[in-house]
C-alpha atoms as a PDB file:
ATOM      1  CA  MET A   1      18.606 -69.597  47.674  1.00  0.00           C
ATOM      2  CA  ALA A   2      15.796 -67.239  48.648  1.00  0.00           C
ATOM      3  CA  LYS A   3      13.055 -68.345  51.007  1.00  0.00           C
ATOM      4  CA  LYS A   4       9.705 -69.017  49.369  1.00  0.00           C
ATOM      5  CA  THR A   5       7.075 -66.598  50.596  1.00  0.00           C
ATOM      6  CA  ILE A   6       4.015 -68.428  51.813  1.00  0.00           C
ATOM      7  CA  THR A   7       0.482 -67.178  52.072  1.00  0.00           C
ATOM      8  CA  TYR A   8      -1.420 -66.782  55.305  1.00  0.00           C
ATOM      9  CA  ASN A   9      -3.614 -69.778  54.422  1.00  0.00           C
ATOM     10  CA  GLU A  10      -0.586 -71.957  53.683  1.00  0.00           C
ATOM     11  CA  ALA A  11       0.925 -71.004  57.041  1.00  0.00           C
ATOM     12  CA  VAL A  12      -2.295 -71.836  58.894  1.00  0.00           C
ATOM     13  CA  LYS A  13      -2.534 -75.170  57.095  1.00  0.00           C
ATOM     14  CA  GLU A  14       1.047 -76.051  58.043  1.00  0.00           C
ATOM     15  CA  ILE A  15       0.399 -75.105  61.679  1.00  0.00           C
ATOM     16  CA  GLU A  16      -2.685 -77.342  61.665  1.00  0.00           C
ATOM     17  CA  GLU A  17      -0.649 -80.237  60.245  1.00  0.00           C
ATOM     18  CA  ILE A  18       2.012 -79.810  62.928  1.00  0.00           C
ATOM     19  CA  LEU A  19      -0.653 -79.724  65.646  1.00  0.00           C
ATOM     20  CA  GLN A  20      -2.278 -82.844  64.258  1.00  0.00           C
ATOM     21  CA  ASN A  21       1.077 -84.645  64.282  1.00  0.00           C
ATOM     22  CA  LEU A  22       1.633 -83.575  67.886  1.00  0.00           C
ATOM     23  CA  GLU A  23      -1.844 -84.685  68.942  1.00  0.00           C
ATOM     24  CA  GLU A  24      -1.446 -88.043  67.235  1.00  0.00           C
ATOM     25  CA  GLU A  25       2.065 -88.408  68.686  1.00  0.00           C
ATOM     26  CA  GLU A  26       3.509 -89.019  65.228  1.00  0.00           C
ATOM     27  CA  LEU A  27       6.674 -87.031  65.927  1.00  0.00           C
ATOM     28  CA  ASP A  28       9.730 -88.530  67.490  1.00  0.00           C
ATOM     29  CA  VAL A  29      11.945 -86.587  69.865  1.00  0.00           C
ATOM     30  CA  ASP A  30      14.375 -85.668  67.093  1.00  0.00           C
ATOM     31  CA  GLN A  31      11.602 -83.963  65.076  1.00  0.00           C
ATOM     32  CA  LEU A  32       9.807 -82.360  68.001  1.00  0.00           C
ATOM     33  CA  ALA A  33      12.072 -79.345  68.535  1.00  0.00           C
ATOM     34  CA  ASP A  34      12.219 -78.571  64.813  1.00  0.00           C
ATOM     35  CA  LYS A  35       8.432 -78.757  64.427  1.00  0.00           C
ATOM     36  CA  VAL A  36       7.795 -76.592  67.499  1.00  0.00           C
ATOM     37  CA  LYS A  37      10.298 -74.041  66.175  1.00  0.00           C
ATOM     38  CA  ARG A  38       8.620 -74.049  62.761  1.00  0.00           C
ATOM     39  CA  ALA A  39       5.168 -73.676  64.311  1.00  0.00           C
ATOM     40  CA  THR A  40       6.417 -70.716  66.357  1.00  0.00           C
ATOM     41  CA  GLU A  41       7.798 -69.058  63.217  1.00  0.00           C
ATOM     42  CA  LEU A  42       4.518 -69.619  61.385  1.00  0.00           C
ATOM     43  CA  ILE A  43       2.455 -68.221  64.259  1.00  0.00           C
ATOM     44  CA  HIS A  44       4.664 -65.128  64.341  1.00  0.00           C
ATOM     45  CA  TYR A  45       4.208 -64.734  60.574  1.00  0.00           C
ATOM     46  CA  CYS A  46       0.417 -65.057  60.865  1.00  0.00           C
ATOM     47  CA  LYS A  47       0.197 -62.550  63.719  1.00  0.00           C
ATOM     48  CA  SER A  48       2.319 -60.085  61.756  1.00  0.00           C
ATOM     49  CA  LYS A  49       0.215 -60.568  58.632  1.00  0.00           C
ATOM     50  CA  LEU A  50      -3.007 -59.985  60.585  1.00  0.00           C
ATOM     51  CA  LYS A  51      -1.596 -56.882  62.263  1.00  0.00           C
ATOM     52  CA  ASN A  52      -0.446 -55.414  58.943  1.00  0.00           C
ATOM     53  CA  THR A  53      -3.769 -56.193  57.290  1.00  0.00           C
ATOM     54  CA  GLU A  54      -5.652 -54.542  60.146  1.00  0.00           C
ATOM     55  CA  ALA A  55      -3.477 -51.432  59.816  1.00  0.00           C
ATOM     56  CA  GLU A  56      -4.114 -51.284  56.059  1.00  0.00           C
ATOM     57  CA  ILE A  57      -7.870 -51.633  56.539  1.00  0.00           C
ATOM     58  CA  ASN A  58      -7.910 -48.938  59.235  1.00  0.00           C
ATOM     59  CA  LYS A  59      -5.946 -46.636  56.930  1.00  0.00           C
ATOM     60  CA  ILE A  60      -8.455 -47.208  54.122  1.00  0.00           C
ATOM     61  CA  LEU A  61     -11.398 -46.609  56.441  1.00  0.00           C
ATOM     62  CA  ASP A  62      -9.822 -43.457  57.859  1.00  0.00           C
ATOM     63  CA  THR A  63      -9.248 -42.154  54.328  1.00  0.00           C
ATOM     64  CA  GLU A  64     -12.852 -42.894  53.390  1.00  0.00           C
ATOM     65  CA  GLU A  65     -14.183 -41.132  56.493  1.00  0.00           C
ATOM     66  CA  LYS A  66     -12.135 -38.018  55.754  1.00  0.00           C
ATOM     67  CA  GLY A  67     -13.310 -37.983  52.153  1.00  0.00           C
ATOM     68  CA  GLU A  68     -16.997 -37.981  53.008  1.00  0.00           C
END
């Protein structure tokens, strides 16, 4: 089964939910490691998405500047 691709906003929302659970101490020890691992994966995804978006925008701007 293929992994569902999530959007940046969905990833941020999930990170926020995990943080809220941590702050409210709603996670037991058995869930803690899994949630921290998931949050780390989501943060990596978000950073990568931001970096790629920045590169795309810079490429567009560079193309526009050269075309003027």
